[in-house]
Amino acid sequence: MAEAFGEEHLRTYGHRAGSEEPVELVNVELIGQGVPEHPRIPERLQIAAAEPVHDERTAYFGTEDGWLDIPVFGRDDLTDIIDGPAIIEEYDATCLVPPGTQASIDAHGNIVLQLGQSIS
């Protein structure tokens, strides 16, 4: 270890102490982490059912469905399956859930759309 230190000091600063000079270890840093028997967080957080954040917003769904007033949900509030049409908002994105589509959150927190899965 003393020789490796001397070589690195020479490479970095252009000189090193003589071989008779003592080397003193001043500081050692150690980082450790235990492995718990059980996960510390649940696989999926359970939150109350989603409620619309805003009353409604009007969106156009083509000539077949036209303009519809649809509920708007916050992304963090989406815990149950919601039936489209709907809008899911978050701070940096908006997800439109078309008519005849269901939206849910998977175990990794992704929004999953199931086309043609309307329960209404």
PDB file of N, CA and C in Angstrom:
ATOM      1  N   MET A   1       0.832  -1.176   0.000  1.00  0.00           N
ATOM      2  CA  MET A   1       0.000   0.000   0.000  1.00  0.00           C
ATOM      3  C   MET A   1       0.891   1.259   0.000  1.00  0.00           C
ATOM      4  N   ALA A   2       1.989   1.213   0.752  1.00  0.00           N
ATOM      5  CA  ALA A   2       2.889   2.360   0.802  1.00  0.00           C
ATOM      6  C   ALA A   2       3.514   2.618  -0.566  1.00  0.00           C
ATOM      7  N   GLU A   3       3.877   1.552  -1.292  1.00  0.00           N
ATOM      8  CA  GLU A   3       4.475   1.709  -2.618  1.00  0.00           C
ATOM      9  C   GLU A   3       3.454   2.274  -3.611  1.00  0.00           C
ATOM     10  N   ALA A   4       2.206   1.797  -3.545  1.00  0.00           N
ATOM     11  CA  ALA A   4       1.157   2.313  -4.432  1.00  0.00           C
ATOM     12  C   ALA A   4       0.922   3.794  -4.170  1.00  0.00           C
ATOM     13  N   PHE A   5       0.947   4.207  -2.884  1.00  0.00           N
ATOM     14  CA  PHE A   5       0.789   5.612  -2.547  1.00  0.00           C
ATOM     15  C   PHE A   5       1.946   6.428  -3.127  1.00  0.00           C
ATOM     16  N   GLY A   6       3.181   5.930  -2.967  1.00  0.00           N
ATOM     17  CA  GLY A   6       4.348   6.632  -3.495  1.00  0.00           C
ATOM     18  C   GLY A   6       4.280   6.803  -4.996  1.00  0.00           C
ATOM     19  N   GLU A   7       3.865   5.765  -5.719  1.00  0.00           N
ATOM     20  CA  GLU A   7       3.739   5.841  -7.182  1.00  0.00           C
ATOM     21  C   GLU A   7       2.665   6.856  -7.589  1.00  0.00           C
ATOM     22  N   GLU A   8       1.542   6.857  -6.915  1.00  0.00           N
ATOM     23  CA  GLU A   8       0.469   7.793  -7.241  1.00  0.00           C
ATOM     24  C   GLU A   8       0.881   9.225  -6.917  1.00  0.00           C
ATOM     25  N   HIS A   9       1.587   9.433  -5.815  1.00  0.00           N
ATOM     26  CA  HIS A   9       2.068  10.764  -5.444  1.00  0.00           C
ATOM     27  C   HIS A   9       3.058  11.269  -6.495  1.00  0.00           C
ATOM     28  N   LEU A  10       3.941  10.391  -6.965  1.00  0.00           N
ATOM     29  CA  LEU A  10       4.900  10.758  -8.011  1.00  0.00           C
ATOM     30  C   LEU A  10       4.179  11.117  -9.304  1.00  0.00           C
ATOM     31  N   ARG A  11       3.187  10.321  -9.677  1.00  0.00           N
ATOM     32  CA  ARG A  11       2.438  10.590 -10.911  1.00  0.00           C
ATOM     33  C   ARG A  11       1.671  11.901 -10.806  1.00  0.00           C
ATOM     34  N   THR A  12       1.079  12.172  -9.661  1.00  0.00           N
ATOM     35  CA  THR A  12       0.238  13.360  -9.493  1.00  0.00           C
ATOM     36  C   THR A  12       1.060  14.633  -9.276  1.00  0.00           C
ATOM     37  N   TYR A  13       2.067  14.564  -8.415  1.00  0.00           N
ATOM     38  CA  TYR A  13       2.786  15.780  -8.005  1.00  0.00           C
ATOM     39  C   TYR A  13       4.221  15.874  -8.541  1.00  0.00           C
ATOM     40  N   GLY A  14       4.727  14.822  -9.168  1.00  0.00           N
ATOM     41  CA  GLY A  14       6.066  14.868  -9.759  1.00  0.00           C
ATOM     42  C   GLY A  14       7.184  14.541  -8.794  1.00  0.00           C
ATOM     43  N   HIS A  15       6.895  14.166  -7.585  1.00  0.00           N
ATOM     44  CA  HIS A  15       7.930  13.753  -6.631  1.00  0.00           C
ATOM     45  C   HIS A  15       7.315  12.813  -5.614  1.00  0.00           C
ATOM     46  N   ARG A  16       8.179  12.117  -4.906  1.00  0.00           N
ATOM     47  CA  ARG A  16       7.723  11.214  -3.855  1.00  0.00           C
ATOM     48  C   ARG A  16       8.751  11.166  -2.752  1.00  0.00           C
ATOM     49  N   ALA A  17       8.316  10.717  -1.592  1.00  0.00           N
ATOM     50  CA  ALA A  17       9.224  10.588  -0.444  1.00  0.00           C
ATOM     51  C   ALA A  17      10.168   9.413  -0.677  1.00  0.00           C
ATOM     52  N   GLY A  18      11.280   9.438   0.005  1.00  0.00           N
ATOM     53  CA  GLY A  18      12.235   8.340  -0.112  1.00  0.00           C
ATOM     54  C   GLY A  18      11.693   7.063   0.507  1.00  0.00           C
ATOM     55  N   SER A  19      12.308   5.950   0.162  1.00  0.00           N
ATOM     56  CA  SER A  19      11.834   4.648   0.644  1.00  0.00           C
ATOM     57  C   SER A  19      11.982   4.503   2.157  1.00  0.00           C
ATOM     58  N   GLU A  20      12.894   5.283   2.770  1.00  0.00           N
ATOM     59  CA  GLU A  20      13.075   5.212   4.224  1.00  0.00           C
ATOM     60  C   GLU A  20      12.078   6.081   4.987  1.00  0.00           C
ATOM     61  N   GLU A  21      11.319   6.936   4.290  1.00  0.00           N
ATOM     62  CA  GLU A  21      10.334   7.805   4.937  1.00  0.00           C
ATOM     63  C   GLU A  21       9.108   6.980   5.339  1.00  0.00           C
ATOM     64  N   PRO A  22       8.614   7.186   6.557  1.00  0.00           N
ATOM     65  CA  PRO A  22       7.413   6.435   6.972  1.00  0.00           C
ATOM     66  C   PRO A  22       6.156   6.960   6.263  1.00  0.00           C
ATOM     67  N   VAL A  23       5.219   6.086   6.055  1.00  0.00           N
ATOM     68  CA  VAL A  23       3.917   6.448   5.480  1.00  0.00           C
ATOM     69  C   VAL A  23       2.884   6.266   6.585  1.00  0.00           C
ATOM     70  N   GLU A  24       2.097   7.303   6.808  1.00  0.00           N
ATOM     71  CA  GLU A  24       1.094   7.264   7.870  1.00  0.00           C
ATOM     72  C   GLU A  24      -0.301   7.244   7.258  1.00  0.00           C
ATOM     73  N   LEU A  25      -1.105   6.275   7.644  1.00  0.00           N
ATOM     74  CA  LEU A  25      -2.494   6.188   7.207  1.00  0.00           C
ATOM     75  C   LEU A  25      -3.315   7.070   8.149  1.00  0.00           C
ATOM     76  N   VAL A  26      -3.922   8.138   7.608  1.00  0.00           N
ATOM     77  CA  VAL A  26      -4.618   9.122   8.431  1.00  0.00           C
ATOM     78  C   VAL A  26      -6.124   8.893   8.452  1.00  0.00           C
ATOM     79  N   ASN A  27      -6.694   8.488   7.340  1.00  0.00           N
ATOM     80  CA  ASN A  27      -8.149   8.409   7.265  1.00  0.00           C
ATOM     81  C   ASN A  27      -8.554   7.223   6.405  1.00  0.00           C
ATOM     82  N   VAL A  28      -9.539   6.476   6.855  1.00  0.00           N
ATOM     83  CA  VAL A  28     -10.111   5.371   6.094  1.00  0.00           C
ATOM     84  C   VAL A  28     -11.619   5.565   6.101  1.00  0.00           C
ATOM     85  N   GLU A  29     -12.237   5.439   4.939  1.00  0.00           N
ATOM     86  CA  GLU A  29     -13.690   5.584   4.852  1.00  0.00           C
ATOM     87  C   GLU A  29     -14.284   4.246   4.447  1.00  0.00           C
ATOM     88  N   LEU A  30     -15.332   3.851   5.135  1.00  0.00           N
ATOM     89  CA  LEU A  30     -15.994   2.591   4.866  1.00  0.00           C
ATOM     90  C   LEU A  30     -17.490   2.850   4.755  1.00  0.00           C
ATOM     91  N   ILE A  31     -18.096   2.304   3.729  1.00  0.00           N
ATOM     92  CA  ILE A  31     -19.540   2.404   3.555  1.00  0.00           C
ATOM     93  C   ILE A  31     -20.090   0.987   3.551  1.00  0.00           C
ATOM     94  N   GLY A  32     -21.058   0.728   4.409  1.00  0.00           N
ATOM     95  CA  GLY A  32     -21.652  -0.597   4.491  1.00  0.00           C
ATOM     96  C   GLY A  32     -23.159  -0.524   4.382  1.00  0.00           C
ATOM     97  N   GLN A  33     -23.758  -1.622   3.937  1.00  0.00           N
ATOM     98  CA  GLN A  33     -25.210  -1.673   3.824  1.00  0.00           C
ATOM     99  C   GLN A  33     -25.653  -3.079   4.185  1.00  0.00           C
ATOM    100  N   GLY A  34     -26.591  -3.161   5.115  1.00  0.00           N
ATOM    101  CA  GLY A  34     -27.137  -4.446   5.482  1.00  0.00           C
ATOM    102  C   GLY A  34     -28.232  -4.866   4.519  1.00  0.00           C
ATOM    103  N   VAL A  35     -28.456  -6.137   4.411  1.00  0.00           N
ATOM    104  CA  VAL A  35     -29.518  -6.653   3.554  1.00  0.00           C
ATOM    105  C   VAL A  35     -30.662  -7.096   4.466  1.00  0.00           C
ATOM    106  N   PRO A  36     -31.815  -6.404   4.399  1.00  0.00           N
ATOM    107  CA  PRO A  36     -32.928  -6.769   5.286  1.00  0.00           C
ATOM    108  C   PRO A  36     -33.563  -8.098   4.865  1.00  0.00           C
ATOM    109  N   GLU A  37     -34.188  -8.764   5.826  1.00  0.00           N
ATOM    110  CA  GLU A  37     -34.880 -10.015   5.528  1.00  0.00           C
ATOM    111  C   GLU A  37     -36.124  -9.778   4.678  1.00  0.00           C
ATOM    112  N   HIS A  38     -36.773  -8.617   4.888  1.00  0.00           N
ATOM    113  CA  HIS A  38     -37.992  -8.281   4.165  1.00  0.00           C
ATOM    114  C   HIS A  38     -37.813  -6.923   3.503  1.00  0.00           C
ATOM    115  N   PRO A  39     -38.449  -6.681   2.372  1.00  0.00           N
ATOM    116  CA  PRO A  39     -38.354  -5.351   1.740  1.00  0.00           C
ATOM    117  C   PRO A  39     -38.804  -4.264   2.710  1.00  0.00           C
ATOM    118  N   ARG A  40     -38.153  -3.108   2.638  1.00  0.00           N
ATOM    119  CA  ARG A  40     -38.485  -2.003   3.541  1.00  0.00           C
ATOM    120  C   ARG A  40     -39.672  -1.191   3.060  1.00  0.00           C
ATOM    121  N   ILE A  41     -39.997  -1.298   1.790  1.00  0.00           N
ATOM    122  CA  ILE A  41     -41.157  -0.589   1.256  1.00  0.00           C
ATOM    123  C   ILE A  41     -42.091  -1.607   0.622  1.00  0.00           C
ATOM    124  N   PRO A  42     -43.374  -1.323   0.602  1.00  0.00           N
ATOM    125  CA  PRO A  42     -44.310  -2.268  -0.013  1.00  0.00           C
ATOM    126  C   PRO A  42     -44.090  -2.337  -1.517  1.00  0.00           C
ATOM    127  N   GLU A  43     -44.498  -3.452  -2.112  1.00  0.00           N
ATOM    128  CA  GLU A  43     -44.356  -3.608  -3.558  1.00  0.00           C
ATOM    129  C   GLU A  43     -45.144  -2.543  -4.305  1.00  0.00           C
ATOM    130  N   ARG A  44     -46.284  -2.178  -3.751  1.00  0.00           N
ATOM    131  CA  ARG A  44     -47.098  -1.130  -4.351  1.00  0.00           C
ATOM    132  C   ARG A  44     -47.832  -0.394  -3.241  1.00  0.00           C
ATOM    133  N   LEU A  45     -47.839   0.923  -3.306  1.00  0.00           N
ATOM    134  CA  LEU A  45     -48.525   1.723  -2.310  1.00  0.00           C
ATOM    135  C   LEU A  45     -50.026   1.650  -2.525  1.00  0.00           C
ATOM    136  N   GLN A  46     -50.780   1.548  -1.458  1.00  0.00           N
ATOM    137  CA  GLN A  46     -52.230   1.525  -1.533  1.00  0.00           C
ATOM    138  C   GLN A  46     -52.756   2.890  -1.113  1.00  0.00           C
ATOM    139  N   ILE A  47     -53.419   3.565  -2.028  1.00  0.00           N
ATOM    140  CA  ILE A  47     -53.956   4.899  -1.782  1.00  0.00           C
ATOM    141  C   ILE A  47     -55.449   4.855  -2.061  1.00  0.00           C
ATOM    142  N   ALA A  48     -56.177   5.805  -1.539  1.00  0.00           N
ATOM    143  CA  ALA A  48     -57.625   5.860  -1.761  1.00  0.00           C
ATOM    144  C   ALA A  48     -57.940   5.960  -3.254  1.00  0.00           C
ATOM    145  N   ALA A  49     -59.166   5.636  -3.600  1.00  0.00           N
ATOM    146  CA  ALA A  49     -59.604   5.658  -4.995  1.00  0.00           C
ATOM    147  C   ALA A  49     -59.431   7.036  -5.615  1.00  0.00           C
ATOM    148  N   ALA A  50     -59.187   7.037  -6.928  1.00  0.00           N
ATOM    149  CA  ALA A  50     -58.961   8.288  -7.650  1.00  0.00           C
ATOM    150  C   ALA A  50     -60.238   9.111  -7.746  1.00  0.00           C
ATOM    151  N   GLU A  51     -60.103  10.365  -7.490  1.00  0.00           N
ATOM    152  CA  GLU A  51     -61.197  11.318  -7.641  1.00  0.00           C
ATOM    153  C   GLU A  51     -60.747  12.356  -8.653  1.00  0.00           C
ATOM    154  N   PRO A  52     -61.651  12.844  -9.504  1.00  0.00           N
ATOM    155  CA  PRO A  52     -61.248  13.864 -10.467  1.00  0.00           C
ATOM    156  C   PRO A  52     -60.662  15.091  -9.764  1.00  0.00           C
ATOM    157  N   VAL A  53     -59.559  15.619 -10.318  1.00  0.00           N
ATOM    158  CA  VAL A  53     -58.910  16.808  -9.760  1.00  0.00           C
ATOM    159  C   VAL A  53     -59.728  18.044 -10.101  1.00  0.00           C
ATOM    160  N   HIS A  54     -60.098  18.157 -11.349  1.00  0.00           N
ATOM    161  CA  HIS A  54     -60.945  19.253 -11.823  1.00  0.00           C
ATOM    162  C   HIS A  54     -62.300  18.632 -12.142  1.00  0.00           C
ATOM    163  N   ASP A  55     -63.305  19.439 -12.246  1.00  0.00           N
ATOM    164  CA  ASP A  55     -64.620  18.863 -12.565  1.00  0.00           C
ATOM    165  C   ASP A  55     -64.564  18.119 -13.894  1.00  0.00           C
ATOM    166  N   GLU A  56     -64.398  18.855 -14.951  1.00  0.00           N
ATOM    167  CA  GLU A  56     -64.354  18.257 -16.290  1.00  0.00           C
ATOM    168  C   GLU A  56     -63.576  19.156 -17.235  1.00  0.00           C
ATOM    169  N   ARG A  57     -63.183  18.598 -18.346  1.00  0.00           N
ATOM    170  CA  ARG A  57     -62.580  19.363 -19.421  1.00  0.00           C
ATOM    171  C   ARG A  57     -63.176  18.838 -20.722  1.00  0.00           C
ATOM    172  N   THR A  58     -63.330  19.704 -21.685  1.00  0.00           N
ATOM    173  CA  THR A  58     -63.890  19.306 -22.971  1.00  0.00           C
ATOM    174  C   THR A  58     -62.766  18.887 -23.900  1.00  0.00           C
ATOM    175  N   ALA A  59     -62.931  17.725 -24.544  1.00  0.00           N
ATOM    176  CA  ALA A  59     -61.929  17.215 -25.489  1.00  0.00           C
ATOM    177  C   ALA A  59     -62.641  16.670 -26.719  1.00  0.00           C
ATOM    178  N   TYR A  60     -61.974  16.774 -27.850  1.00  0.00           N
ATOM    179  CA  TYR A  60     -62.553  16.331 -29.119  1.00  0.00           C
ATOM    180  C   TYR A  60     -62.024  14.941 -29.465  1.00  0.00           C
ATOM    181  N   PHE A  61     -62.935  14.017 -29.790  1.00  0.00           N
ATOM    182  CA  PHE A  61     -62.576  12.639 -30.098  1.00  0.00           C
ATOM    183  C   PHE A  61     -63.000  12.226 -31.505  1.00  0.00           C
ATOM    184  N   GLY A  62     -62.863  13.124 -32.447  1.00  0.00           N
ATOM    185  CA  GLY A  62     -63.160  12.804 -33.841  1.00  0.00           C
ATOM    186  C   GLY A  62     -64.634  12.879 -34.157  1.00  0.00           C
ATOM    187  N   THR A  63     -64.945  12.573 -35.406  1.00  0.00           N
ATOM    188  CA  THR A  63     -66.329  12.719 -35.864  1.00  0.00           C
ATOM    189  C   THR A  63     -67.272  11.708 -35.222  1.00  0.00           C
ATOM    190  N   GLU A  64     -66.765  10.567 -34.807  1.00  0.00           N
ATOM    191  CA  GLU A  64     -67.636   9.547 -34.218  1.00  0.00           C
ATOM    192  C   GLU A  64     -68.141   9.951 -32.831  1.00  0.00           C
ATOM    193  N   ASP A  65     -67.246  10.445 -31.974  1.00  0.00           N
ATOM    194  CA  ASP A  65     -67.628  10.818 -30.613  1.00  0.00           C
ATOM    195  C   ASP A  65     -67.775  12.323 -30.421  1.00  0.00           C
ATOM    196  N   GLY A  66     -67.114  13.118 -31.258  1.00  0.00           N
ATOM    197  CA  GLY A  66     -67.225  14.575 -31.167  1.00  0.00           C
ATOM    198  C   GLY A  66     -66.619  15.133 -29.895  1.00  0.00           C
ATOM    199  N   TRP A  67     -67.166  16.254 -29.431  1.00  0.00           N
ATOM    200  CA  TRP A  67     -66.705  16.918 -28.211  1.00  0.00           C
ATOM    201  C   TRP A  67     -67.356  16.263 -27.009  1.00  0.00           C
ATOM    202  N   LEU A  68     -66.548  15.903 -26.015  1.00  0.00           N
ATOM    203  CA  LEU A  68     -67.063  15.280 -24.794  1.00  0.00           C
ATOM    204  C   LEU A  68     -66.509  16.003 -23.576  1.00  0.00           C
ATOM    205  N   ASP A  69     -67.333  16.144 -22.544  1.00  0.00           N
ATOM    206  CA  ASP A  69     -66.868  16.641 -21.254  1.00  0.00           C
ATOM    207  C   ASP A  69     -66.358  15.433 -20.477  1.00  0.00           C
ATOM    208  N   ILE A  70     -65.077  15.454 -20.104  1.00  0.00           N
ATOM    209  CA  ILE A  70     -64.471  14.278 -19.474  1.00  0.00           C
ATOM    210  C   ILE A  70     -63.777  14.661 -18.163  1.00  0.00           C
ATOM    211  N   PRO A  71     -63.691  13.716 -17.206  1.00  0.00           N
ATOM    212  CA  PRO A  71     -63.034  14.005 -15.920  1.00  0.00           C
ATOM    213  C   PRO A  71     -61.523  14.117 -16.080  1.00  0.00           C
ATOM    214  N   VAL A  72     -60.909  14.902 -15.188  1.00  0.00           N
ATOM    215  CA  VAL A  72     -59.458  15.075 -15.165  1.00  0.00           C
ATOM    216  C   VAL A  72     -58.936  14.551 -13.830  1.00  0.00           C
ATOM    217  N   PHE A  73     -57.967  13.638 -13.887  1.00  0.00           N
ATOM    218  CA  PHE A  73     -57.374  13.028 -12.700  1.00  0.00           C
ATOM    219  C   PHE A  73     -55.922  13.464 -12.561  1.00  0.00           C
ATOM    220  N   GLY A  74     -55.463  13.595 -11.330  1.00  0.00           N
ATOM    221  CA  GLY A  74     -54.042  13.812 -11.072  1.00  0.00           C
ATOM    222  C   GLY A  74     -53.319  12.486 -11.160  1.00  0.00           C
ATOM    223  N   ARG A  75     -52.140  12.471 -11.722  1.00  0.00           N
ATOM    224  CA  ARG A  75     -51.364  11.241 -11.910  1.00  0.00           C
ATOM    225  C   ARG A  75     -51.140  10.509 -10.588  1.00  0.00           C
ATOM    226  N   ASP A  76     -50.826  11.252  -9.531  1.00  0.00           N
ATOM    227  CA  ASP A  76     -50.555  10.643  -8.231  1.00  0.00           C
ATOM    228  C   ASP A  76     -51.808  10.071  -7.575  1.00  0.00           C
ATOM    229  N   ASP A  77     -52.985  10.491  -8.031  1.00  0.00           N
ATOM    230  CA  ASP A  77     -54.235  10.021  -7.446  1.00  0.00           C
ATOM    231  C   ASP A  77     -54.782   8.778  -8.142  1.00  0.00           C
ATOM    232  N   LEU A  78     -54.156   8.354  -9.220  1.00  0.00           N
ATOM    233  CA  LEU A  78     -54.668   7.235 -10.002  1.00  0.00           C
ATOM    234  C   LEU A  78     -54.226   5.918  -9.370  1.00  0.00           C
ATOM    235  N   THR A  79     -55.138   5.266  -8.661  1.00  0.00           N
ATOM    236  CA  THR A  79     -54.831   3.994  -8.011  1.00  0.00           C
ATOM    237  C   THR A  79     -55.742   2.878  -8.492  1.00  0.00           C
ATOM    238  N   ASP A  80     -56.958   3.202  -8.860  1.00  0.00           N
ATOM    239  CA  ASP A  80     -57.900   2.209  -9.377  1.00  0.00           C
ATOM    240  C   ASP A  80     -57.920   2.289 -10.895  1.00  0.00           C
ATOM    241  N   ILE A  81     -58.562   1.322 -11.496  1.00  0.00           N
ATOM    242  CA  ILE A  81     -58.793   1.368 -12.941  1.00  0.00           C
ATOM    243  C   ILE A  81     -59.827   2.446 -13.205  1.00  0.00           C
ATOM    244  N   ILE A  82     -59.532   3.327 -14.170  1.00  0.00           N
ATOM    245  CA  ILE A  82     -60.537   4.315 -14.572  1.00  0.00           C
ATOM    246  C   ILE A  82     -60.946   4.019 -16.001  1.00  0.00           C
ATOM    247  N   ASP A  83     -62.181   4.322 -16.268  1.00  0.00           N
ATOM    248  CA  ASP A  83     -62.770   4.057 -17.575  1.00  0.00           C
ATOM    249  C   ASP A  83     -62.721   5.339 -18.399  1.00  0.00           C
ATOM    250  N   GLY A  84     -62.193   5.237 -19.626  1.00  0.00           N
ATOM    251  CA  GLY A  84     -62.144   6.403 -20.505  1.00  0.00           C
ATOM    252  C   GLY A  84     -63.505   6.715 -21.071  1.00  0.00           C
ATOM    253  N   PRO A  85     -63.691   7.929 -21.506  1.00  0.00           N
ATOM    254  CA  PRO A  85     -62.663   8.931 -21.719  1.00  0.00           C
ATOM    255  C   PRO A  85     -62.304   9.668 -20.425  1.00  0.00           C
ATOM    256  N   ALA A  86     -61.014  10.024 -20.310  1.00  0.00           N
ATOM    257  CA  ALA A  86     -60.521  10.768 -19.157  1.00  0.00           C
ATOM    258  C   ALA A  86     -59.191  11.408 -19.515  1.00  0.00           C
ATOM    259  N   ILE A  87     -58.758  12.325 -18.670  1.00  0.00           N
ATOM    260  CA  ILE A  87     -57.445  12.946 -18.801  1.00  0.00           C
ATOM    261  C   ILE A  87     -56.696  12.693 -17.500  1.00  0.00           C
ATOM    262  N   ILE A  88     -55.426  12.284 -17.617  1.00  0.00           N
ATOM    263  CA  ILE A  88     -54.561  12.099 -16.457  1.00  0.00           C
ATOM    264  C   ILE A  88     -53.446  13.137 -16.576  1.00  0.00           C
ATOM    265  N   GLU A  89     -53.374  14.033 -15.580  1.00  0.00           N
ATOM    266  CA  GLU A  89     -52.372  15.097 -15.605  1.00  0.00           C
ATOM    267  C   GLU A  89     -51.269  14.824 -14.600  1.00  0.00           C
ATOM    268  N   GLU A  90     -50.045  15.209 -14.953  1.00  0.00           N
ATOM    269  CA  GLU A  90     -48.945  15.269 -14.004  1.00  0.00           C
ATOM    270  C   GLU A  90     -48.121  16.506 -14.321  1.00  0.00           C
ATOM    271  N   TYR A  91     -47.100  16.785 -13.547  1.00  0.00           N
ATOM    272  CA  TYR A  91     -46.396  18.058 -13.681  1.00  0.00           C
ATOM    273  C   TYR A  91     -45.742  18.239 -15.045  1.00  0.00           C
ATOM    274  N   ASP A  92     -45.363  17.148 -15.723  1.00  0.00           N
ATOM    275  CA  ASP A  92     -44.645  17.300 -16.980  1.00  0.00           C
ATOM    276  C   ASP A  92     -45.299  16.596 -18.168  1.00  0.00           C
ATOM    277  N   ALA A  93     -46.488  16.045 -17.970  1.00  0.00           N
ATOM    278  CA  ALA A  93     -47.130  15.316 -19.067  1.00  0.00           C
ATOM    279  C   ALA A  93     -48.633  15.226 -18.840  1.00  0.00           C
ATOM    280  N   THR A  94     -49.347  14.947 -19.919  1.00  0.00           N
ATOM    281  CA  THR A  94     -50.783  14.718 -19.870  1.00  0.00           C
ATOM    282  C   THR A  94     -51.068  13.461 -20.672  1.00  0.00           C
ATOM    283  N   CYS A  95     -51.871  12.566 -20.127  1.00  0.00           N
ATOM    284  CA  CYS A  95     -52.230  11.325 -20.806  1.00  0.00           C
ATOM    285  C   CYS A  95     -53.729  11.354 -21.090  1.00  0.00           C
ATOM    286  N   LEU A  96     -54.086  11.168 -22.335  1.00  0.00           N
ATOM    287  CA  LEU A  96     -55.486  11.134 -22.743  1.00  0.00           C
ATOM    288  C   LEU A  96     -55.938   9.681 -22.816  1.00  0.00           C
ATOM    289  N   VAL A  97     -57.008   9.363 -22.121  1.00  0.00           N
ATOM    290  CA  VAL A  97     -57.584   8.020 -22.134  1.00  0.00           C
ATOM    291  C   VAL A  97     -58.817   8.088 -23.022  1.00  0.00           C
ATOM    292  N   PRO A  98     -58.751   7.528 -24.227  1.00  0.00           N
ATOM    293  CA  PRO A  98     -59.872   7.639 -25.166  1.00  0.00           C
ATOM    294  C   PRO A  98     -61.106   6.855 -24.705  1.00  0.00           C
ATOM    295  N   PRO A  99     -62.256   7.133 -25.320  1.00  0.00           N
ATOM    296  CA  PRO A  99     -63.458   6.341 -25.024  1.00  0.00           C
ATOM    297  C   PRO A  99     -63.190   4.856 -25.309  1.00  0.00           C
ATOM    298  N   GLY A 100     -63.789   3.987 -24.517  1.00  0.00           N
ATOM    299  CA  GLY A 100     -63.612   2.551 -24.729  1.00  0.00           C
ATOM    300  C   GLY A 100     -62.263   2.038 -24.275  1.00  0.00           C
ATOM    301  N   THR A 101     -61.574   2.765 -23.420  1.00  0.00           N
ATOM    302  CA  THR A 101     -60.238   2.386 -22.949  1.00  0.00           C
ATOM    303  C   THR A 101     -60.191   2.485 -21.435  1.00  0.00           C
ATOM    304  N   GLN A 102     -59.454   1.584 -20.795  1.00  0.00           N
ATOM    305  CA  GLN A 102     -59.236   1.648 -19.358  1.00  0.00           C
ATOM    306  C   GLN A 102     -57.801   2.066 -19.091  1.00  0.00           C
ATOM    307  N   ALA A 103     -57.599   2.806 -18.004  1.00  0.00           N
ATOM    308  CA  ALA A 103     -56.263   3.197 -17.571  1.00  0.00           C
ATOM    309  C   ALA A 103     -56.039   2.698 -16.153  1.00  0.00           C
ATOM    310  N   SER A 104     -54.842   2.215 -15.899  1.00  0.00           N
ATOM    311  CA  SER A 104     -54.469   1.765 -14.555  1.00  0.00           C
ATOM    312  C   SER A 104     -52.974   1.995 -14.368  1.00  0.00           C
ATOM    313  N   ILE A 105     -52.510   1.780 -13.149  1.00  0.00           N
ATOM    314  CA  ILE A 105     -51.094   1.914 -12.821  1.00  0.00           C
ATOM    315  C   ILE A 105     -50.557   0.520 -12.516  1.00  0.00           C
ATOM    316  N   ASP A 106     -49.423   0.147 -13.134  1.00  0.00           N
ATOM    317  CA  ASP A 106     -48.840  -1.163 -12.848  1.00  0.00           C
ATOM    318  C   ASP A 106     -47.959  -1.096 -11.602  1.00  0.00           C
ATOM    319  N   ALA A 107     -47.337  -2.208 -11.237  1.00  0.00           N
ATOM    320  CA  ALA A 107     -46.535  -2.293 -10.012  1.00  0.00           C
ATOM    321  C   ALA A 107     -45.324  -1.368 -10.034  1.00  0.00           C
ATOM    322  N   HIS A 108     -44.908  -0.918 -11.226  1.00  0.00           N
ATOM    323  CA  HIS A 108     -43.752  -0.032 -11.343  1.00  0.00           C
ATOM    324  C   HIS A 108     -44.155   1.432 -11.474  1.00  0.00           C
ATOM    325  N   GLY A 109     -45.453   1.722 -11.389  1.00  0.00           N
ATOM    326  CA  GLY A 109     -45.928   3.096 -11.456  1.00  0.00           C
ATOM    327  C   GLY A 109     -46.190   3.606 -12.859  1.00  0.00           C
ATOM    328  N   ASN A 110     -46.180   2.732 -13.863  1.00  0.00           N
ATOM    329  CA  ASN A 110     -46.461   3.137 -15.240  1.00  0.00           C
ATOM    330  C   ASN A 110     -47.962   3.198 -15.482  1.00  0.00           C
ATOM    331  N   ILE A 111     -48.385   4.136 -16.322  1.00  0.00           N
ATOM    332  CA  ILE A 111     -49.784   4.182 -16.744  1.00  0.00           C
ATOM    333  C   ILE A 111     -49.954   3.150 -17.851  1.00  0.00           C
ATOM    334  N   VAL A 112     -50.917   2.252 -17.672  1.00  0.00           N
ATOM    335  CA  VAL A 112     -51.177   1.201 -18.650  1.00  0.00           C
ATOM    336  C   VAL A 112     -52.567   1.428 -19.229  1.00  0.00           C
ATOM    337  N   LEU A 113     -52.662   1.536 -20.552  1.00  0.00           N
ATOM    338  CA  LEU A 113     -53.945   1.700 -21.235  1.00  0.00           C
ATOM    339  C   LEU A 113     -54.342   0.374 -21.862  1.00  0.00           C
ATOM    340  N   GLN A 114     -55.586  -0.046 -21.611  1.00  0.00           N
ATOM    341  CA  GLN A 114     -56.145  -1.244 -22.212  1.00  0.00           C
ATOM    342  C   GLN A 114     -57.197  -0.822 -23.216  1.00  0.00           C
ATOM    343  N   LEU A 115     -56.865  -0.891 -24.492  1.00  0.00           N
ATOM    344  CA  LEU A 115     -57.798  -0.471 -25.540  1.00  0.00           C
ATOM    345  C   LEU A 115     -58.973  -1.427 -25.625  1.00  0.00           C
ATOM    346  N   GLY A 116     -60.159  -0.869 -25.811  1.00  0.00           N
ATOM    347  CA  GLY A 116     -61.366  -1.676 -25.965  1.00  0.00           C
ATOM    348  C   GLY A 116     -61.769  -2.395 -24.692  1.00  0.00           C
ATOM    349  N   GLN A 117     -61.430  -1.856 -23.529  1.00  0.00           N
ATOM    350  CA  GLN A 117     -61.737  -2.508 -22.251  1.00  0.00           C
ATOM    351  C   GLN A 117     -62.695  -1.689 -21.394  1.00  0.00           C
ATOM    352  N   SER A 118     -63.585  -0.943 -21.993  1.00  0.00           N
ATOM    353  CA  SER A 118     -64.506  -0.097 -21.228  1.00  0.00           C
ATOM    354  C   SER A 118     -65.438  -0.966 -20.413  1.00  0.00           C
ATOM    355  N   ILE A 119     -65.636  -0.604 -19.132  1.00  0.00           N
ATOM    356  CA  ILE A 119     -66.556  -1.360 -18.272  1.00  0.00           C
ATOM    357  C   ILE A 119     -67.914  -0.680 -18.166  1.00  0.00           C
ATOM    358  N   SER A 120     -68.068   0.473 -18.761  1.00  0.00           N
ATOM    359  CA  SER A 120     -69.342   1.193 -18.683  1.00  0.00           C
ATOM    360  C   SER A 120     -70.344   0.564 -19.608  1.00  0.00           C
TER     361      SER A 120
END
